Each structure stands twice: as C-alpha cells, then as structure tokens.
N, C-alpha and C. Protein backbone atom coordinates (compact mmCIF):
# COMPACT_ATOMS: atom_id res chain seq x y z
N MET A 1 58.93 -34.70 -107.47
CA MET A 1 59.80 -34.25 -108.44
C MET A 1 60.52 -35.25 -108.89
N PRO A 2 60.81 -35.29 -110.27
CA PRO A 2 61.68 -36.36 -110.93
C PRO A 2 62.99 -36.79 -110.30
N GLU A 3 63.31 -38.07 -110.28
CA GLU A 3 64.60 -38.32 -109.68
C GLU A 3 65.46 -38.98 -110.70
N ILE A 4 66.70 -38.67 -110.60
CA ILE A 4 67.76 -39.40 -111.38
C ILE A 4 68.07 -40.79 -110.67
N THR A 5 67.64 -41.86 -111.52
CA THR A 5 67.79 -43.10 -111.07
C THR A 5 69.02 -44.00 -111.55
N ASP A 6 69.51 -43.50 -112.70
CA ASP A 6 70.71 -44.18 -113.08
C ASP A 6 71.70 -43.18 -114.02
N ILE A 7 72.77 -43.35 -113.84
CA ILE A 7 73.75 -42.73 -114.76
C ILE A 7 74.71 -43.78 -115.20
N THR A 8 74.88 -43.96 -116.51
CA THR A 8 75.72 -45.20 -117.08
C THR A 8 76.43 -44.61 -118.29
N PRO A 9 77.77 -45.06 -118.49
CA PRO A 9 78.61 -44.81 -119.57
C PRO A 9 77.90 -45.33 -120.78
N GLN A 10 78.18 -44.58 -121.88
CA GLN A 10 77.68 -45.03 -123.29
C GLN A 10 78.63 -46.02 -123.81
N LYS A 11 78.27 -47.06 -124.39
CA LYS A 11 79.15 -48.06 -124.88
C LYS A 11 79.85 -47.58 -126.00
N LYS A 12 79.41 -46.71 -127.01
CA LYS A 12 80.34 -46.19 -128.15
C LYS A 12 81.05 -45.08 -127.96
N ASP A 13 80.84 -44.45 -126.81
CA ASP A 13 81.45 -43.07 -126.41
C ASP A 13 81.79 -43.10 -125.09
N LYS A 14 82.85 -43.24 -124.58
CA LYS A 14 83.16 -43.38 -123.23
C LYS A 14 83.14 -41.85 -122.49
N GLU A 15 83.15 -40.93 -123.24
CA GLU A 15 83.08 -39.53 -122.81
C GLU A 15 81.79 -39.01 -122.51
N ARG A 16 80.71 -39.95 -122.82
CA ARG A 16 79.33 -39.51 -122.61
C ARG A 16 78.60 -40.50 -121.68
N CYS A 17 77.49 -40.09 -121.11
CA CYS A 17 76.78 -41.05 -120.20
C CYS A 17 75.27 -40.98 -120.57
N ASN A 18 74.63 -41.99 -120.22
CA ASN A 18 73.17 -42.01 -120.32
C ASN A 18 72.53 -41.67 -119.12
N VAL A 19 71.64 -40.66 -118.87
CA VAL A 19 70.97 -40.03 -117.83
C VAL A 19 69.50 -40.86 -117.75
N TYR A 20 69.25 -41.61 -116.82
CA TYR A 20 67.78 -42.04 -116.50
C TYR A 20 67.06 -41.23 -115.47
N VAL A 21 65.93 -41.02 -115.71
CA VAL A 21 65.14 -40.32 -114.62
C VAL A 21 63.78 -41.03 -114.51
N ASP A 22 63.53 -41.34 -113.27
CA ASP A 22 62.32 -42.16 -112.82
C ASP A 22 62.22 -43.49 -113.50
N GLY A 23 63.45 -44.10 -113.83
CA GLY A 23 63.57 -45.51 -114.42
C GLY A 23 63.52 -45.27 -115.96
N ALA A 24 63.63 -44.25 -116.59
CA ALA A 24 63.41 -44.22 -118.23
C ALA A 24 64.42 -43.44 -118.58
N PHE A 25 65.14 -43.65 -119.63
CA PHE A 25 66.07 -42.99 -120.46
C PHE A 25 65.58 -41.37 -120.67
N CYS A 26 66.44 -40.64 -120.15
CA CYS A 26 66.22 -39.11 -120.35
C CYS A 26 66.86 -38.48 -121.36
N CYS A 27 68.17 -38.62 -121.32
CA CYS A 27 69.18 -37.90 -122.31
C CYS A 27 70.50 -38.52 -122.15
N GLY A 28 71.43 -38.12 -123.20
CA GLY A 28 72.81 -38.28 -123.08
C GLY A 28 73.38 -37.17 -122.68
N MET A 29 74.49 -37.30 -122.06
CA MET A 29 75.30 -36.12 -121.56
C MET A 29 76.88 -36.53 -121.70
N ARG A 30 77.34 -35.46 -121.73
CA ARG A 30 78.94 -35.46 -121.73
C ARG A 30 79.29 -35.82 -120.19
N LEU A 31 80.31 -36.65 -119.89
CA LEU A 31 80.86 -36.94 -118.54
C LEU A 31 81.17 -35.63 -117.92
N GLU A 32 81.73 -34.80 -118.56
CA GLU A 32 82.22 -33.44 -118.14
C GLU A 32 81.03 -32.56 -117.51
N THR A 33 79.87 -32.69 -118.30
CA THR A 33 78.57 -32.05 -117.92
C THR A 33 78.14 -32.59 -116.58
N VAL A 34 78.09 -33.82 -116.45
CA VAL A 34 77.67 -34.64 -115.37
C VAL A 34 78.56 -34.17 -114.19
N LEU A 35 79.72 -34.24 -114.27
CA LEU A 35 80.74 -34.05 -113.12
C LEU A 35 80.54 -32.37 -112.91
N THR A 36 80.58 -31.55 -113.71
CA THR A 36 80.37 -30.05 -113.46
C THR A 36 79.10 -29.82 -112.53
N ASN A 37 78.01 -30.53 -113.00
CA ASN A 37 76.68 -30.15 -112.44
C ASN A 37 76.43 -31.12 -111.26
N ARG A 38 77.50 -31.87 -111.03
CA ARG A 38 77.45 -32.76 -109.56
C ARG A 38 76.13 -33.80 -109.81
N LEU A 39 75.78 -34.26 -110.98
CA LEU A 39 74.68 -35.08 -111.14
C LEU A 39 74.84 -36.57 -110.60
N LYS A 40 73.96 -36.96 -109.72
CA LYS A 40 74.16 -38.39 -109.12
C LYS A 40 72.94 -38.92 -108.95
N VAL A 41 72.99 -40.39 -108.97
CA VAL A 41 71.71 -41.16 -108.61
C VAL A 41 71.09 -40.72 -107.26
N GLY A 42 69.79 -40.40 -107.31
CA GLY A 42 68.99 -40.16 -106.13
C GLY A 42 68.66 -38.61 -106.17
N MET A 43 69.44 -37.86 -107.09
CA MET A 43 69.26 -36.41 -107.11
C MET A 43 67.84 -36.11 -107.68
N TYR A 44 67.12 -35.02 -107.06
CA TYR A 44 65.88 -34.66 -108.04
C TYR A 44 66.17 -33.53 -108.76
N VAL A 45 65.53 -33.69 -110.00
CA VAL A 45 65.89 -32.64 -110.71
C VAL A 45 64.78 -32.46 -111.92
N GLU A 46 64.46 -31.39 -112.33
CA GLU A 46 63.49 -31.11 -113.20
C GLU A 46 63.93 -31.37 -114.64
N ALA A 47 63.08 -31.74 -115.57
CA ALA A 47 63.72 -31.88 -117.01
C ALA A 47 64.17 -30.61 -117.61
N GLU A 48 63.52 -29.60 -117.14
CA GLU A 48 64.13 -28.21 -117.59
C GLU A 48 65.48 -27.88 -117.18
N GLN A 49 65.70 -28.19 -116.00
CA GLN A 49 67.18 -28.15 -115.65
C GLN A 49 68.18 -28.94 -116.27
N LEU A 50 67.83 -30.06 -116.56
CA LEU A 50 68.74 -30.99 -117.40
C LEU A 50 69.03 -30.33 -118.86
N ALA A 51 67.95 -29.81 -119.45
CA ALA A 51 67.75 -29.07 -120.60
C ALA A 51 68.66 -27.97 -120.56
N GLU A 52 68.87 -27.14 -119.67
CA GLU A 52 69.46 -25.88 -119.48
C GLU A 52 70.91 -26.24 -119.33
N MET A 53 71.28 -27.39 -118.60
CA MET A 53 72.71 -27.92 -118.36
C MET A 53 73.27 -28.38 -119.70
N GLN A 54 72.47 -29.21 -120.42
CA GLN A 54 72.81 -29.77 -121.84
C GLN A 54 73.02 -28.70 -122.90
N LEU A 55 72.11 -27.66 -122.86
CA LEU A 55 72.24 -26.74 -123.82
C LEU A 55 73.41 -25.81 -123.61
N GLU A 56 73.77 -25.44 -122.40
CA GLU A 56 74.84 -24.52 -122.15
C GLU A 56 76.34 -25.12 -122.40
N SER A 57 76.43 -26.59 -122.08
CA SER A 57 77.76 -27.19 -122.17
C SER A 57 77.97 -28.04 -123.37
N GLU A 58 76.89 -28.36 -124.10
CA GLU A 58 76.90 -29.30 -125.25
C GLU A 58 76.46 -28.72 -126.60
N LYS A 59 76.07 -27.53 -126.71
CA LYS A 59 75.45 -26.90 -127.93
C LYS A 59 76.53 -26.92 -129.15
N ALA A 60 77.70 -26.68 -128.63
CA ALA A 60 78.78 -26.64 -129.62
C ALA A 60 78.99 -28.06 -130.03
N GLN A 61 79.28 -28.92 -129.31
CA GLN A 61 79.47 -30.36 -129.70
C GLN A 61 78.28 -31.02 -130.50
N ALA A 62 77.12 -30.55 -130.30
CA ALA A 62 75.70 -31.09 -130.87
C ALA A 62 75.90 -30.60 -132.43
N LEU A 63 76.40 -29.26 -132.43
CA LEU A 63 76.30 -28.62 -133.75
C LEU A 63 77.57 -29.16 -134.66
N ASP A 64 78.55 -29.55 -134.04
CA ASP A 64 79.82 -30.17 -134.71
C ASP A 64 79.33 -31.53 -135.26
N ARG A 65 78.61 -32.23 -134.46
CA ARG A 65 78.06 -33.58 -134.83
C ARG A 65 77.00 -33.55 -135.81
N ALA A 66 76.27 -32.64 -135.83
CA ALA A 66 75.22 -32.42 -136.91
C ALA A 66 76.05 -32.10 -138.14
N LEU A 67 76.74 -31.09 -138.29
CA LEU A 67 77.73 -30.96 -139.37
C LEU A 67 78.40 -32.08 -140.14
N ARG A 68 79.13 -32.81 -139.35
CA ARG A 68 79.75 -33.85 -139.61
C ARG A 68 78.77 -34.97 -140.45
N HIS A 69 77.47 -35.04 -139.56
CA HIS A 69 76.47 -35.81 -140.09
C HIS A 69 75.83 -35.45 -141.47
N LEU A 70 75.92 -34.30 -141.82
CA LEU A 70 75.52 -33.66 -142.94
C LEU A 70 76.62 -33.68 -144.06
N SER A 71 77.92 -33.90 -143.73
CA SER A 71 78.92 -33.80 -144.69
C SER A 71 78.74 -34.75 -146.02
N ALA A 72 78.06 -35.99 -145.62
CA ALA A 72 78.00 -36.97 -146.75
C ALA A 72 76.70 -36.59 -147.71
N THR A 73 75.56 -36.38 -147.13
CA THR A 73 74.60 -35.89 -148.05
C THR A 73 73.81 -35.01 -147.37
N MET A 74 72.87 -34.48 -148.04
CA MET A 74 71.77 -33.52 -147.38
C MET A 74 70.75 -34.20 -146.64
N LYS A 75 70.27 -33.56 -145.71
CA LYS A 75 69.35 -33.97 -144.76
C LYS A 75 67.95 -33.25 -144.53
N THR A 76 66.83 -33.78 -144.27
CA THR A 76 65.90 -32.93 -143.98
C THR A 76 65.85 -32.53 -142.47
N GLU A 77 65.06 -31.54 -142.20
CA GLU A 77 65.04 -31.03 -140.75
C GLU A 77 64.67 -32.31 -139.89
N LYS A 78 63.71 -33.08 -140.16
CA LYS A 78 63.31 -34.08 -139.45
C LYS A 78 64.30 -35.24 -139.12
N GLN A 79 65.10 -35.44 -140.41
CA GLN A 79 66.12 -36.36 -140.35
C GLN A 79 67.17 -35.82 -139.24
N MET A 80 67.48 -34.63 -139.46
CA MET A 80 68.50 -34.09 -138.31
C MET A 80 68.04 -34.09 -136.91
N ARG A 81 66.83 -33.60 -136.84
CA ARG A 81 66.16 -33.86 -135.34
C ARG A 81 66.21 -35.14 -134.89
N ASP A 82 65.97 -36.14 -135.75
CA ASP A 82 65.89 -37.66 -135.38
C ASP A 82 67.23 -38.02 -134.82
N PHE A 83 68.14 -37.52 -135.89
CA PHE A 83 69.64 -37.97 -135.57
C PHE A 83 70.21 -37.37 -134.15
N LEU A 84 69.75 -35.98 -133.83
CA LEU A 84 70.17 -35.75 -132.68
C LEU A 84 69.52 -36.13 -131.45
N LYS A 85 68.09 -36.45 -131.68
CA LYS A 85 67.34 -37.10 -130.33
C LYS A 85 67.86 -38.52 -130.31
N LYS A 86 68.44 -39.22 -131.24
CA LYS A 86 69.07 -40.67 -131.17
C LYS A 86 70.34 -40.57 -130.29
N LYS A 87 71.07 -39.43 -130.55
CA LYS A 87 72.31 -39.30 -129.74
C LYS A 87 71.99 -38.72 -128.38
N GLY A 88 70.70 -38.59 -127.95
CA GLY A 88 70.60 -38.26 -126.56
C GLY A 88 70.26 -36.75 -126.33
N TYR A 89 70.24 -35.90 -127.23
CA TYR A 89 70.11 -34.36 -127.07
C TYR A 89 68.67 -34.07 -126.79
N LEU A 90 68.47 -33.13 -125.78
CA LEU A 90 67.08 -32.90 -125.49
C LEU A 90 66.57 -31.69 -126.44
N PRO A 91 65.21 -31.37 -126.52
CA PRO A 91 64.62 -30.70 -127.42
C PRO A 91 65.38 -29.14 -127.60
N ALA A 92 65.71 -28.69 -126.29
CA ALA A 92 66.32 -27.36 -126.61
C ALA A 92 67.71 -27.37 -127.41
N VAL A 93 68.56 -28.29 -127.15
CA VAL A 93 69.71 -28.32 -128.15
C VAL A 93 69.31 -28.77 -129.50
N CYS A 94 68.47 -29.52 -129.73
CA CYS A 94 67.97 -29.81 -131.16
C CYS A 94 67.47 -28.54 -131.78
N ASP A 95 66.86 -27.75 -131.07
CA ASP A 95 66.24 -26.52 -131.60
C ASP A 95 67.49 -25.59 -131.88
N TYR A 96 68.25 -25.41 -131.07
CA TYR A 96 69.54 -24.54 -131.22
C TYR A 96 70.32 -24.96 -132.54
N VAL A 97 70.61 -26.27 -132.66
CA VAL A 97 71.28 -26.77 -133.71
C VAL A 97 70.61 -26.55 -135.02
N LEU A 98 69.18 -26.72 -135.13
CA LEU A 98 68.49 -26.74 -136.21
C LEU A 98 68.46 -25.25 -136.68
N GLU A 99 68.17 -24.30 -135.67
CA GLU A 99 68.14 -22.90 -136.07
C GLU A 99 69.50 -22.39 -136.60
N LYS A 100 70.74 -22.97 -136.23
CA LYS A 100 71.98 -22.76 -136.85
C LYS A 100 72.17 -23.14 -138.20
N LEU A 101 71.67 -24.40 -138.32
CA LEU A 101 71.77 -24.99 -139.72
C LEU A 101 71.01 -24.34 -140.72
N ARG A 102 69.80 -23.96 -140.28
CA ARG A 102 68.95 -23.16 -141.26
C ARG A 102 69.46 -21.74 -141.54
N GLY A 103 70.14 -21.18 -140.59
CA GLY A 103 70.89 -19.87 -140.86
C GLY A 103 72.04 -20.10 -141.90
N TYR A 104 72.83 -21.27 -141.65
CA TYR A 104 73.86 -21.54 -142.54
C TYR A 104 73.54 -21.91 -143.90
N GLY A 105 72.31 -22.20 -144.09
CA GLY A 105 71.66 -22.77 -145.17
C GLY A 105 72.18 -24.18 -145.54
N PHE A 106 72.49 -24.91 -144.37
CA PHE A 106 72.78 -26.27 -144.39
C PHE A 106 71.63 -27.37 -144.61
N VAL A 107 70.44 -26.77 -144.12
CA VAL A 107 69.33 -27.60 -144.05
C VAL A 107 68.21 -26.68 -144.55
N ASP A 108 67.72 -27.12 -145.73
CA ASP A 108 66.68 -26.60 -146.52
C ASP A 108 65.74 -27.64 -147.22
N ASP A 109 64.53 -27.90 -146.60
CA ASP A 109 63.72 -28.92 -147.08
C ASP A 109 63.35 -28.71 -148.48
N ALA A 110 63.08 -27.48 -148.84
CA ALA A 110 62.76 -27.26 -150.39
C ALA A 110 63.75 -27.61 -151.08
N GLU A 111 64.98 -27.13 -151.14
CA GLU A 111 66.11 -27.66 -151.90
C GLU A 111 66.40 -29.02 -151.87
N TYR A 112 66.06 -29.58 -150.67
CA TYR A 112 66.34 -31.21 -150.40
C TYR A 112 65.41 -31.93 -151.36
N SER A 113 64.09 -31.43 -151.56
CA SER A 113 63.20 -31.99 -152.26
C SER A 113 63.40 -31.94 -153.56
N ALA A 114 63.79 -30.73 -153.98
CA ALA A 114 64.16 -30.45 -155.51
C ALA A 114 65.16 -31.39 -155.97
N GLN A 115 66.23 -31.49 -155.21
CA GLN A 115 67.33 -32.50 -155.60
C GLN A 115 66.92 -33.98 -155.39
N TYR A 116 66.07 -34.19 -154.57
CA TYR A 116 65.71 -35.59 -154.47
C TYR A 116 64.68 -36.09 -155.66
N VAL A 117 63.87 -35.14 -156.13
CA VAL A 117 62.88 -35.43 -157.03
C VAL A 117 63.74 -35.70 -158.51
N GLN A 118 64.99 -34.88 -158.59
CA GLN A 118 65.65 -34.90 -159.74
C GLN A 118 66.50 -36.28 -159.85
N ALA A 119 66.83 -36.54 -158.73
CA ALA A 119 67.59 -37.95 -158.75
C ALA A 119 66.61 -39.08 -158.82
N ALA A 120 65.46 -39.09 -157.92
CA ALA A 120 64.65 -40.22 -157.82
C ALA A 120 63.81 -40.46 -158.96
N GLY A 121 63.53 -39.29 -159.85
CA GLY A 121 62.67 -39.24 -161.12
C GLY A 121 63.22 -40.14 -162.04
N ARG A 122 64.43 -40.53 -162.04
CA ARG A 122 65.05 -41.47 -163.13
C ARG A 122 64.42 -42.79 -162.95
N ARG A 123 63.90 -43.19 -161.77
CA ARG A 123 63.58 -44.65 -161.41
C ARG A 123 62.43 -44.85 -160.57
N LYS A 124 61.64 -43.71 -160.31
CA LYS A 124 60.47 -43.69 -159.50
C LYS A 124 59.47 -42.75 -160.10
N GLY A 125 58.02 -43.07 -159.74
CA GLY A 125 57.05 -42.35 -160.20
C GLY A 125 56.83 -41.30 -159.12
N ALA A 126 56.04 -40.15 -159.46
CA ALA A 126 55.72 -39.13 -158.53
C ALA A 126 55.03 -39.70 -157.21
N ARG A 127 54.08 -40.66 -157.22
CA ARG A 127 53.48 -41.09 -156.05
C ARG A 127 54.47 -41.55 -155.05
N LEU A 128 55.33 -42.37 -155.48
CA LEU A 128 56.29 -42.92 -154.47
C LEU A 128 57.27 -42.00 -153.94
N ILE A 129 57.74 -40.90 -154.80
CA ILE A 129 58.58 -39.91 -154.42
C ILE A 129 57.77 -39.13 -153.43
N ALA A 130 56.66 -38.73 -153.54
CA ALA A 130 55.91 -37.91 -152.78
C ALA A 130 55.76 -38.69 -151.24
N LEU A 131 55.75 -39.90 -151.22
CA LEU A 131 55.47 -40.69 -149.91
C LEU A 131 56.94 -40.70 -149.26
N GLU A 132 57.95 -40.88 -150.09
CA GLU A 132 59.24 -41.03 -149.45
C GLU A 132 59.62 -39.59 -148.80
N LEU A 133 59.37 -38.47 -149.56
CA LEU A 133 59.55 -37.07 -148.93
C LEU A 133 58.73 -36.75 -147.93
N LYS A 134 57.42 -37.07 -147.83
CA LYS A 134 56.58 -36.97 -146.52
C LYS A 134 57.25 -37.81 -145.43
N SER A 135 57.68 -38.89 -145.64
CA SER A 135 58.18 -39.82 -144.45
C SER A 135 59.35 -39.05 -144.01
N ARG A 136 60.22 -38.26 -144.77
CA ARG A 136 61.32 -37.55 -144.28
C ARG A 136 61.18 -36.23 -143.66
N GLY A 137 59.57 -36.10 -143.57
CA GLY A 137 59.19 -34.73 -142.86
C GLY A 137 58.85 -33.63 -143.67
N VAL A 138 59.19 -33.61 -144.93
CA VAL A 138 58.73 -32.58 -145.82
C VAL A 138 57.59 -32.15 -145.95
N ALA A 139 57.10 -30.99 -145.87
CA ALA A 139 55.82 -30.41 -145.77
C ALA A 139 55.26 -30.70 -146.97
N GLU A 140 53.75 -30.76 -147.09
CA GLU A 140 52.98 -31.15 -148.29
C GLU A 140 53.28 -29.97 -149.43
N GLU A 141 53.16 -28.75 -149.02
CA GLU A 141 53.37 -27.68 -150.18
C GLU A 141 54.82 -27.79 -150.73
N GLN A 142 55.79 -28.23 -149.88
CA GLN A 142 57.21 -28.30 -150.52
C GLN A 142 57.29 -29.49 -151.56
N VAL A 143 56.70 -30.58 -151.10
CA VAL A 143 56.49 -31.81 -151.87
C VAL A 143 55.98 -31.44 -153.19
N GLU A 144 54.78 -30.86 -153.19
CA GLU A 144 53.99 -30.41 -154.54
C GLU A 144 55.00 -29.56 -155.44
N ALA A 145 55.63 -28.60 -154.66
CA ALA A 145 56.43 -27.47 -155.50
C ALA A 145 57.42 -28.37 -156.22
N ALA A 146 58.25 -29.43 -155.46
CA ALA A 146 59.20 -30.02 -155.95
C ALA A 146 58.78 -30.96 -157.16
N LEU A 147 57.59 -31.58 -156.93
CA LEU A 147 57.01 -32.41 -157.90
C LEU A 147 56.56 -31.75 -159.28
N ASP A 148 56.45 -30.50 -159.15
CA ASP A 148 56.14 -29.61 -160.34
C ASP A 148 57.20 -29.53 -161.32
N GLY A 149 58.36 -29.89 -160.80
CA GLY A 149 59.53 -29.74 -161.57
C GLY A 149 60.01 -31.32 -162.16
N LEU A 150 59.10 -32.05 -161.86
CA LEU A 150 59.49 -33.64 -162.36
C LEU A 150 59.01 -33.64 -163.99
N GLU A 151 60.17 -34.04 -164.52
CA GLU A 151 60.01 -34.32 -165.94
C GLU A 151 60.46 -35.73 -166.51
N GLY A 152 59.96 -36.17 -167.60
CA GLY A 152 60.37 -37.51 -168.08
C GLY A 152 59.80 -38.57 -167.44
N GLU A 153 58.67 -38.52 -166.76
CA GLU A 153 58.22 -39.69 -165.87
C GLU A 153 57.77 -40.99 -166.93
N GLU A 154 57.41 -40.61 -168.06
CA GLU A 154 57.05 -41.51 -169.03
C GLU A 154 58.46 -42.32 -169.42
N GLU A 155 59.36 -41.51 -169.66
CA GLU A 155 60.78 -42.25 -170.05
C GLU A 155 61.38 -43.02 -168.92
N ALA A 156 60.99 -42.69 -167.89
CA ALA A 156 61.48 -43.24 -166.55
C ALA A 156 60.89 -44.58 -166.41
N ALA A 157 59.34 -44.59 -166.66
CA ALA A 157 58.84 -45.80 -166.60
C ALA A 157 58.98 -46.83 -167.63
N LYS A 158 59.42 -46.41 -168.86
CA LYS A 158 59.78 -47.25 -169.79
C LYS A 158 61.13 -47.85 -169.43
N ALA A 159 62.15 -47.15 -168.81
CA ALA A 159 63.49 -47.64 -168.45
C ALA A 159 63.34 -48.60 -167.51
N VAL A 160 62.58 -48.42 -166.32
CA VAL A 160 62.16 -49.19 -165.26
C VAL A 160 61.47 -50.73 -165.92
N LEU A 161 60.60 -50.49 -166.95
CA LEU A 161 60.02 -51.67 -167.43
C LEU A 161 61.00 -52.51 -168.21
N GLN A 162 61.98 -51.71 -168.94
CA GLN A 162 63.03 -52.36 -169.69
C GLN A 162 63.87 -53.26 -168.87
N LYS A 163 64.31 -52.65 -167.89
CA LYS A 163 65.00 -53.36 -166.89
C LYS A 163 64.50 -54.67 -166.16
N TYR A 164 63.13 -54.28 -165.86
CA TYR A 164 62.40 -55.55 -165.20
C TYR A 164 62.19 -56.50 -166.17
N MET A 165 61.99 -56.44 -167.40
CA MET A 165 61.69 -57.38 -168.43
C MET A 165 62.87 -57.95 -169.24
N ARG A 166 64.05 -57.65 -168.69
CA ARG A 166 65.27 -58.07 -169.26
C ARG A 166 65.43 -59.55 -168.94
N GLY A 167 65.55 -60.32 -170.09
CA GLY A 167 65.59 -61.89 -169.99
C GLY A 167 64.38 -62.55 -169.61
N LYS A 168 63.19 -61.84 -169.77
CA LYS A 168 61.87 -62.25 -169.51
C LYS A 168 61.13 -62.31 -170.93
N GLU A 169 60.20 -63.34 -171.17
CA GLU A 169 59.24 -63.27 -172.24
C GLU A 169 58.28 -62.50 -172.05
N PRO A 170 57.75 -61.71 -173.21
CA PRO A 170 56.54 -60.77 -172.92
C PRO A 170 55.32 -61.57 -172.86
N THR A 171 55.14 -62.64 -171.99
CA THR A 171 53.83 -63.05 -171.80
C THR A 171 52.90 -62.37 -171.05
N ARG A 172 51.67 -62.84 -171.12
CA ARG A 172 50.56 -62.14 -170.39
C ARG A 172 51.00 -61.88 -168.79
N GLU A 173 51.40 -63.26 -168.33
CA GLU A 173 51.56 -63.23 -166.78
C GLU A 173 52.81 -62.16 -166.37
N ASN A 174 53.94 -62.35 -167.28
CA ASN A 174 54.97 -61.27 -167.05
C ASN A 174 54.67 -60.01 -167.23
N LEU A 175 53.93 -59.55 -168.02
CA LEU A 175 53.50 -58.25 -168.43
C LEU A 175 52.61 -57.75 -167.16
N SER A 176 51.76 -58.80 -166.66
CA SER A 176 50.97 -58.40 -165.46
C SER A 176 51.80 -57.92 -164.39
N LYS A 177 52.82 -58.80 -164.07
CA LYS A 177 53.77 -58.64 -163.07
C LYS A 177 54.51 -57.36 -163.16
N ALA A 178 55.00 -57.07 -164.52
CA ALA A 178 55.61 -55.78 -164.83
C ALA A 178 54.75 -54.62 -164.39
N TYR A 179 53.43 -54.69 -164.82
CA TYR A 179 52.39 -53.62 -164.48
C TYR A 179 52.39 -53.33 -162.94
N ARG A 180 52.30 -54.41 -162.30
CA ARG A 180 52.19 -54.06 -160.70
C ARG A 180 53.71 -53.59 -160.23
N HIS A 181 54.77 -54.03 -160.94
CA HIS A 181 56.14 -53.55 -160.59
C HIS A 181 56.09 -52.10 -160.68
N LEU A 182 55.71 -51.39 -161.92
CA LEU A 182 55.58 -50.18 -162.14
C LEU A 182 54.82 -49.38 -161.27
N LEU A 183 53.64 -49.94 -160.99
CA LEU A 183 52.79 -49.21 -159.91
C LEU A 183 53.31 -49.29 -158.39
N SER A 184 54.22 -50.32 -157.99
CA SER A 184 54.87 -50.22 -156.85
C SER A 184 56.11 -49.11 -156.81
N LYS A 185 56.60 -48.88 -157.94
CA LYS A 185 57.56 -47.80 -158.11
C LYS A 185 57.00 -46.36 -158.16
N GLY A 186 55.54 -46.22 -157.80
CA GLY A 186 54.96 -45.10 -157.79
C GLY A 186 54.42 -44.48 -158.97
N PHE A 187 54.46 -45.05 -160.21
CA PHE A 187 54.01 -44.52 -161.31
C PHE A 187 52.50 -44.80 -161.50
N SER A 188 51.86 -43.78 -162.04
CA SER A 188 50.41 -43.90 -162.18
C SER A 188 49.78 -44.99 -163.04
N TYR A 189 48.65 -45.45 -162.97
CA TYR A 189 48.00 -46.50 -163.67
C TYR A 189 48.22 -46.04 -165.24
N GLU A 190 47.94 -44.87 -165.84
CA GLU A 190 47.91 -44.45 -166.98
C GLU A 190 49.55 -44.53 -167.60
N THR A 191 50.42 -44.01 -166.75
CA THR A 191 51.89 -44.10 -167.05
C THR A 191 52.42 -45.50 -167.33
N ALA A 192 51.88 -46.43 -166.41
CA ALA A 192 52.32 -47.89 -166.31
C ALA A 192 51.59 -48.65 -167.56
N LYS A 193 50.52 -48.31 -168.13
CA LYS A 193 49.83 -48.74 -169.16
C LYS A 193 50.46 -48.27 -170.44
N ASP A 194 50.84 -47.02 -170.40
CA ASP A 194 51.40 -46.41 -171.57
C ASP A 194 52.82 -47.01 -171.90
N ALA A 195 53.70 -47.27 -170.72
CA ALA A 195 54.95 -47.97 -170.73
C ALA A 195 54.73 -49.42 -171.46
N LEU A 196 53.76 -50.08 -171.11
CA LEU A 196 53.51 -51.43 -171.63
C LEU A 196 53.18 -51.43 -172.94
N ALA A 197 52.42 -50.28 -173.43
CA ALA A 197 51.94 -50.10 -174.82
C ALA A 197 52.98 -49.78 -175.78
N SER A 198 54.15 -49.42 -175.30
CA SER A 198 55.38 -48.93 -176.13
C SER A 198 55.97 -50.00 -176.81
N PRO A 199 56.64 -49.75 -178.03
CA PRO A 199 57.22 -50.81 -178.96
C PRO A 199 57.93 -51.88 -177.97
N GLY A 200 57.56 -53.18 -178.25
CA GLY A 200 58.34 -54.19 -177.62
C GLY A 200 57.49 -54.75 -176.49
N ALA A 201 56.45 -54.05 -176.04
CA ALA A 201 55.63 -54.72 -174.89
C ALA A 201 54.03 -54.56 -175.46
N GLU A 202 53.35 -55.46 -174.76
CA GLU A 202 51.77 -55.26 -175.09
C GLU A 202 51.05 -54.84 -173.96
N GLU A 203 50.16 -54.02 -174.21
CA GLU A 203 49.38 -53.36 -173.11
C GLU A 203 48.58 -54.50 -172.38
N GLU A 204 48.71 -54.35 -171.03
CA GLU A 204 48.05 -55.40 -170.28
C GLU A 204 46.52 -54.83 -169.77
N GLU A 205 45.59 -55.16 -170.15
CA GLU A 205 44.34 -54.72 -169.74
C GLU A 205 43.98 -54.82 -168.39
C-alpha cells in the first residue's frame, strides 16, 4: 500500500501542505485537512482516500480559487484544470469545480473560442488561431465553428504587413522576410501573397 513519505508546508501559502506518497508529490492540502485526518509520515493510505479527504474539506476553497482566477479573463476547461492541478488539487476536486463552473456558465469553450477569434483575428491568421485554441484544449469542432465567424482576414494581413514594413524599404529581401512573417502569423500563402500585392507592396514570387 502507498505510504506517506513527507508532509511539508508550502512556501507561498503557510495554511497548506504538500503531501508526498512513495517519495513523489501527490497533492496539496490545507493544514486543517491534514490535522483533521491525522495524516503523518509513515502512514499507509490509498490515493482514493486522499482524494475523498480533499474533496470533502477543500471543494469550497478550490471553487473560490477558480472563480478568482476567472475574474480577470475567460479560461478554457483545460486551462482551469491545469490551474487547479498546479495548486495541488486531485482529479475529484478538479471535476467538482469544473462541473460547478460549467453549471454557472463561467467556463464555456465555445464562447471562449468565439471571443478569442474576434480579438486575435485582427492580428493573426486562421491557422495560428486554430493552433492556439487547440493548445488551450478546445475541441476541433468548436475551433472550426469559431473560425467560421472569422471575417476580415485579408485586411488583418495588410495591417500586419504595414506594421512590419514601417521604416523598411520595399526591397526583394525585405518583402521576402515580410512574406515569411505573415506566414508565421498564421495567414495562408494566398492571403500573404495578396497582401504583398496590395498597393504599396510588390508581390513576392
């Protein structure tokens, strides 16, 4: 059976402890939870038991932390789960908090994606936006649905090009670099070429 091998106070929160099982970090817990359940080094305990202890005594605190983390900007489900895991909460607590957040409408990947596309579409192309959303855990179908509402990609590419070329001569070398810059921002080959062919620039073959 797994054994608790260490219990140490957290540096940034003196009211919480890090619990180590079989020499590896297992979870973070409130000091009150540790004391109430009489956890100590050398005690044998199953991971499910620790999860039950944490869920029972810390779900309210975890939800409060999640709500405060959401207060600045919207987050995806994956971002919220990663945040809670980093704080040391076990899967059962993460599941509880995410279920509550979904119920309140505070976590909605489809809405997050729509808002992200609207904001990022002014300076990035669809390919890069899709990669960034997927890296945040948004499902493929939600990414595609959000990108269906993307408008003005050609204008965005021209704006990015204009900013990049500010103060530069329209030489072949600079236009070639500008073309690669547009591609790095997620614009398609055709969109990048069209931007370079617009008034004030020469198309780079």
